[in-house]
Amino acid sequence: MIESTPDKKQVQPQSAPEQAPWTLHQTLMGVLLTMLPWMALAIALNSVGTTSNSSAPLPFNLDLSGAIITIIFSALIEGAFVIAPFYFANKVFSAMRPRAGLVFDALGFRKTSLRRAAFWIFGLILAIFAVNLLYSAVITTFHLNLQTNDQVILAHSKQEPLTTYATLFAAVFIAPFCEEIFFRGFVFPGLRRGMPVGPAIVVSSLLFAIAHADPGSFAVLFIIGLALAFIRWRSNSIWPCMFLHMLNNGIGAVSILLVMQGTIH
């Protein structure tokens, strides 16, 4: 957790790369075994997903069923991200006690300074907001044929409002937890076994952006990945990453809800 009393040894980045207990080879294996099925599923869903030309909402019972399925499906799919991290961490500490504490600590569930974490979270969320505004301006100015994930969700919200609420719930409360364990708890420190911190931040961010299978938002997702990996390095903890990720997705969800209610356009 994040504590209010700063500990200089915990909050300052180490001079030597933080060593993950799993190897670089295990990290790459975890990436392949997790992301290849994920990408295949995402491509398959995108290929069969269609948006109706009608703006009439679905009957309540169908929309409610879709919302329930969305929550369950999201939990299962996002949960797949935590399999490799816990498998390889458990494998490393299989002969040690207390194993559970060592596993969670290795994945980044460590205390860090509340003041420093709040500083970085506030600064990075402002930077992400600025990048989003700039990206939207570039798309509008140059009339780029790009459709972001937010636009796709809004298009579906006209026919499936309850399912849209479920999608936003999963994006705010499920995805940040599972994705941070994988990308910043497992992949980032694992990559540092074989490369300096800068390239590890960039590579983990590229993998994060690719995993979302959202070409229209790839540039923004890459920037978000950079911010999340950076705060992981600075804080030596994955808690600030989860809070920043949840805050970013929450702001996006609120924006979509306001559009759905007609409050903003």
Protein backbone atom coordinates (compact mmCIF):
# COMPACT_ATOMS: atom_id res chain seq x y z
CA MET A 1 0.00 0.00 0.00
CA ILE A 2 0.93 3.70 -0.11
CA GLU A 3 1.98 5.11 3.25
CA SER A 4 2.23 8.73 4.32
CA THR A 5 5.64 8.43 6.00
CA PRO A 6 8.34 8.59 3.31
CA ASP A 7 11.19 6.13 3.34
CA LYS A 8 14.08 7.37 1.24
CA LYS A 9 15.36 3.86 0.59
CA GLN A 10 11.98 2.83 -0.79
CA VAL A 11 11.02 5.83 -2.91
CA GLN A 12 14.32 6.64 -4.60
CA PRO A 13 15.17 4.61 -7.70
CA GLN A 14 17.99 2.21 -7.14
CA SER A 15 21.36 2.84 -8.77
CA ALA A 16 21.44 -0.72 -10.05
CA PRO A 17 18.51 -2.14 -12.04
CA GLU A 18 15.81 -3.69 -9.88
CA GLN A 19 16.28 -7.42 -10.29
CA ALA A 20 13.17 -9.48 -10.85
CA PRO A 21 13.52 -13.00 -9.44
CA TRP A 22 12.37 -14.48 -12.75
CA THR A 23 14.65 -14.49 -15.79
CA LEU A 24 14.40 -12.53 -19.01
CA HIS A 25 13.64 -15.81 -20.80
CA GLN A 26 10.72 -16.47 -18.43
CA THR A 27 9.51 -12.91 -18.97
CA LEU A 28 9.48 -13.31 -22.76
CA MET A 29 7.78 -16.69 -22.43
CA GLY A 30 5.10 -15.14 -20.22
CA VAL A 31 4.58 -12.36 -22.77
CA LEU A 32 4.15 -14.82 -25.65
CA LEU A 33 1.87 -17.20 -23.78
CA THR A 34 -0.32 -14.31 -22.59
CA MET A 35 -0.39 -11.90 -25.51
CA LEU A 36 -0.63 -14.25 -28.50
CA PRO A 37 -3.97 -15.80 -27.39
CA TRP A 38 -5.15 -12.35 -26.28
CA MET A 39 -4.35 -10.78 -29.67
CA ALA A 40 -5.94 -13.69 -31.57
CA LEU A 41 -9.12 -13.29 -29.52
CA ALA A 42 -9.16 -9.50 -29.97
CA ILE A 43 -8.76 -9.81 -33.75
CA ALA A 44 -11.49 -12.43 -33.89
CA LEU A 45 -13.90 -10.26 -31.87
CA ASN A 46 -13.13 -7.21 -34.01
CA SER A 47 -13.70 -9.17 -37.21
CA VAL A 48 -17.17 -10.33 -36.15
CA GLY A 49 -18.20 -7.20 -34.27
CA THR A 50 -20.62 -4.99 -36.15
CA THR A 51 -22.59 -1.91 -35.21
CA SER A 52 -26.22 -1.75 -36.15
CA ASN A 53 -27.39 1.18 -38.30
CA SER A 54 -30.41 1.53 -36.06
CA SER A 55 -30.22 3.88 -33.07
CA ALA A 56 -33.03 2.10 -31.23
CA PRO A 57 -31.86 0.50 -27.97
CA LEU A 58 -32.09 -3.23 -27.46
CA PRO A 59 -34.90 -4.65 -25.31
CA PHE A 60 -34.07 -4.34 -21.62
CA ASN A 61 -33.68 -8.09 -21.03
CA LEU A 62 -31.25 -8.51 -23.95
CA ASP A 63 -29.22 -5.49 -22.90
CA LEU A 64 -29.11 -6.70 -19.28
CA SER A 65 -27.95 -10.14 -20.42
CA GLY A 66 -25.27 -8.50 -22.51
CA ALA A 67 -24.13 -6.45 -19.51
CA ILE A 68 -23.83 -9.52 -17.29
CA ILE A 69 -21.94 -11.43 -19.99
CA THR A 70 -19.64 -8.44 -20.47
CA ILE A 71 -18.70 -8.33 -16.77
CA ILE A 72 -18.05 -12.08 -16.62
CA PHE A 73 -16.17 -12.15 -19.92
CA SER A 74 -14.06 -9.11 -18.97
CA ALA A 75 -13.14 -10.65 -15.62
CA LEU A 76 -12.04 -13.89 -17.31
CA ILE A 77 -10.13 -12.23 -20.13
CA GLU A 78 -8.41 -9.62 -17.95
CA GLY A 79 -7.75 -12.31 -15.35
CA ALA A 80 -5.65 -14.15 -17.94
CA PHE A 81 -3.06 -11.38 -17.51
CA VAL A 82 -2.26 -12.45 -13.95
CA ILE A 83 -1.61 -16.14 -14.72
CA ALA A 84 1.97 -15.79 -15.99
CA PRO A 85 3.09 -13.33 -13.28
CA PHE A 86 1.88 -15.51 -10.41
CA TYR A 87 3.00 -18.74 -12.08
CA PHE A 88 6.61 -17.65 -12.58
CA ALA A 89 6.82 -15.81 -9.24
CA ASN A 90 5.47 -18.87 -7.42
CA LYS A 91 7.93 -21.06 -9.30
CA VAL A 92 10.86 -18.94 -8.13
CA PHE A 93 9.78 -18.95 -4.49
CA SER A 94 8.40 -22.50 -4.38
CA ALA A 95 10.91 -23.61 -1.73
CA MET A 96 10.78 -20.43 0.37
CA ARG A 97 8.52 -19.23 3.19
CA PRO A 98 6.44 -17.17 3.50
CA ARG A 99 5.94 -17.70 -0.23
CA ALA A 100 2.83 -15.54 -0.65
CA GLY A 101 4.53 -12.48 0.83
CA LEU A 102 7.60 -12.94 -1.37
CA VAL A 103 5.47 -13.36 -4.49
CA PHE A 104 3.43 -10.20 -3.90
CA ASP A 105 6.53 -8.21 -3.01
CA ALA A 106 8.31 -9.36 -6.18
CA LEU A 107 5.32 -8.27 -8.28
CA GLY A 108 5.52 -4.77 -6.80
CA PHE A 109 2.95 -4.81 -4.00
CA ARG A 110 5.18 -2.67 -1.80
CA LYS A 111 4.77 0.39 0.37
CA THR A 112 5.80 3.73 -1.07
CA SER A 113 5.56 7.41 -0.19
CA LEU A 114 2.07 8.90 -0.44
CA ARG A 115 3.43 12.40 -1.05
CA ARG A 116 5.75 11.38 -3.86
CA ALA A 117 3.17 9.05 -5.44
CA ALA A 118 0.51 11.80 -5.38
CA PHE A 119 2.95 14.22 -7.02
CA TRP A 120 3.72 11.87 -9.88
CA ILE A 121 0.10 10.74 -10.32
CA PHE A 122 -1.14 14.34 -10.52
CA GLY A 123 1.59 15.43 -12.93
CA LEU A 124 1.26 12.40 -15.20
CA ILE A 125 -2.55 12.52 -15.41
CA LEU A 126 -2.26 16.15 -16.56
CA ALA A 127 0.31 15.10 -19.17
CA ILE A 128 -1.95 12.27 -20.39
CA PHE A 129 -4.89 14.69 -20.59
CA ALA A 130 -2.78 17.09 -22.68
CA VAL A 131 -1.71 14.27 -25.00
CA ASN A 132 -5.36 13.25 -25.48
CA LEU A 133 -6.32 16.81 -26.40
CA LEU A 134 -3.40 17.11 -28.82
CA TYR A 135 -4.20 13.75 -30.40
CA SER A 136 -7.86 14.71 -30.89
CA ALA A 137 -6.79 18.03 -32.43
CA VAL A 138 -4.43 16.27 -34.87
CA ILE A 139 -7.18 13.83 -35.95
CA THR A 140 -9.65 16.70 -36.48
CA THR A 141 -7.19 19.04 -38.21
CA PHE A 142 -5.86 16.48 -40.68
CA HIS A 143 -9.18 14.62 -41.07
CA LEU A 144 -7.54 11.31 -40.21
CA ASN A 145 -9.67 8.21 -40.66
CA LEU A 146 -9.06 6.94 -37.12
CA GLN A 147 -11.68 5.69 -34.70
CA THR A 148 -10.66 5.49 -31.05
CA ASN A 149 -12.01 2.96 -28.59
CA ASP A 150 -14.05 5.70 -26.88
CA GLN A 151 -15.84 6.41 -30.15
CA VAL A 152 -16.58 2.72 -30.63
CA ILE A 153 -18.05 2.49 -27.12
CA LEU A 154 -20.19 5.58 -27.70
CA ALA A 155 -21.48 4.14 -30.97
CA HIS A 156 -22.56 0.95 -29.19
CA SER A 157 -24.06 2.89 -26.29
CA LYS A 158 -26.98 3.98 -28.46
CA GLN A 159 -28.15 0.39 -28.81
CA GLU A 160 -26.71 -1.15 -25.62
CA PRO A 161 -26.63 1.36 -22.74
CA LEU A 162 -26.51 -1.25 -19.96
CA THR A 163 -23.77 -3.20 -21.72
CA THR A 164 -21.87 0.05 -22.13
CA TYR A 165 -22.09 0.69 -18.38
CA ALA A 166 -20.71 -2.81 -17.80
CA THR A 167 -17.87 -2.18 -20.26
CA LEU A 168 -16.95 1.04 -18.46
CA PHE A 169 -17.11 -0.68 -15.07
CA ALA A 170 -14.68 -3.35 -16.26
CA ALA A 171 -12.37 -0.70 -17.73
CA VAL A 172 -12.19 1.21 -14.45
CA PHE A 173 -12.21 -1.52 -11.80
CA ILE A 174 -10.97 -4.74 -13.44
CA ALA A 175 -8.53 -3.85 -16.20
CA PRO A 176 -6.17 -1.59 -14.16
CA PHE A 177 -5.60 -4.26 -11.52
CA CYS A 178 -4.92 -7.16 -13.89
CA GLU A 179 -2.98 -5.22 -16.52
CA GLU A 180 -0.69 -3.54 -13.99
CA ILE A 181 0.23 -6.88 -12.44
CA PHE A 182 1.24 -8.14 -15.87
CA PHE A 183 2.86 -5.13 -17.57
CA ARG A 184 4.38 -3.23 -14.65
CA GLY A 185 4.57 -5.98 -12.02
CA PHE A 186 5.93 -8.78 -14.23
CA VAL A 187 7.04 -7.59 -17.68
CA PHE A 188 8.81 -4.33 -16.80
CA PRO A 189 11.08 -5.68 -14.02
CA GLY A 190 11.64 -8.84 -16.05
CA LEU A 191 12.85 -6.83 -19.05
CA ARG A 192 15.27 -5.01 -16.76
CA ARG A 193 17.11 -8.29 -16.32
CA GLY A 194 18.40 -7.82 -19.86
CA MET A 195 18.25 -4.09 -20.66
CA PRO A 196 18.62 -0.63 -19.08
CA VAL A 197 15.61 1.08 -17.56
CA GLY A 198 14.94 3.35 -20.59
CA PRO A 199 14.55 0.58 -23.17
CA ALA A 200 12.60 -1.51 -20.62
CA ILE A 201 10.12 1.36 -20.21
CA VAL A 202 9.75 1.73 -23.99
CA VAL A 203 9.40 -1.99 -24.75
CA SER A 204 6.88 -2.61 -21.95
CA SER A 205 4.88 0.41 -23.16
CA LEU A 206 4.86 -0.86 -26.74
CA LEU A 207 3.58 -4.23 -25.53
CA PHE A 208 0.92 -2.46 -23.46
CA ALA A 209 -0.29 -0.48 -26.50
CA ILE A 210 -0.22 -3.52 -28.80
CA ALA A 211 -2.20 -5.62 -26.33
CA HIS A 212 -5.20 -3.28 -26.55
CA ALA A 213 -5.61 -4.02 -30.30
CA ASP A 214 -6.83 -0.45 -30.82
CA PRO A 215 -4.99 1.11 -33.80
CA GLY A 216 -6.90 4.37 -33.46
CA SER A 217 -5.63 4.90 -29.92
CA PHE A 218 -2.20 3.27 -30.27
CA ALA A 219 -0.18 6.49 -29.88
CA VAL A 220 -2.09 7.58 -26.78
CA LEU A 221 -1.89 4.09 -25.25
CA PHE A 222 1.87 4.09 -25.80
CA ILE A 223 2.20 7.42 -23.97
CA ILE A 224 0.03 6.10 -21.14
CA GLY A 225 2.26 3.01 -20.97
CA LEU A 226 5.33 5.24 -20.70
CA ALA A 227 3.75 7.14 -17.82
CA LEU A 228 2.77 3.96 -15.98
CA ALA A 229 6.19 2.33 -16.41
CA PHE A 230 7.92 5.54 -15.35
CA ILE A 231 5.95 5.82 -12.11
CA ARG A 232 6.60 2.11 -11.48
CA TRP A 233 10.32 2.79 -11.71
CA ARG A 234 10.25 5.95 -9.60
CA SER A 235 8.08 4.51 -6.83
CA ASN A 236 9.38 0.90 -6.91
CA SER A 237 5.75 -0.08 -6.34
CA ILE A 238 2.81 -1.05 -8.49
CA TRP A 239 0.20 0.69 -6.30
CA PRO A 240 0.71 4.14 -7.88
CA CYS A 241 0.48 2.51 -11.32
CA MET A 242 -2.89 1.01 -10.45
CA PHE A 243 -4.19 4.31 -9.08
CA LEU A 244 -3.00 6.26 -12.15
CA HIS A 245 -4.41 3.64 -14.53
CA MET A 246 -7.75 3.61 -12.71
CA LEU A 247 -7.88 7.41 -12.62
CA ASN A 248 -7.18 7.69 -16.34
CA ASN A 249 -9.82 5.11 -17.26
CA GLY A 250 -12.24 6.68 -14.79
CA ILE A 251 -11.93 10.10 -16.40
CA GLY A 252 -12.57 8.53 -19.80
CA ALA A 253 -15.58 6.61 -18.45
CA VAL A 254 -17.10 9.75 -16.91
CA SER A 255 -16.66 11.59 -20.21
CA ILE A 256 -18.49 8.83 -22.06
CA LEU A 257 -21.29 8.79 -19.47
CA LEU A 258 -21.72 12.55 -19.79
CA VAL A 259 -22.02 12.24 -23.57
CA MET A 260 -24.52 9.41 -23.17
CA GLN A 261 -26.63 11.59 -20.85
CA GLY A 262 -26.42 14.53 -23.26
CA THR A 263 -24.56 16.70 -20.74
CA ILE A 264 -21.66 17.27 -23.15
CA HIS A 265 -21.30 16.77 -26.88
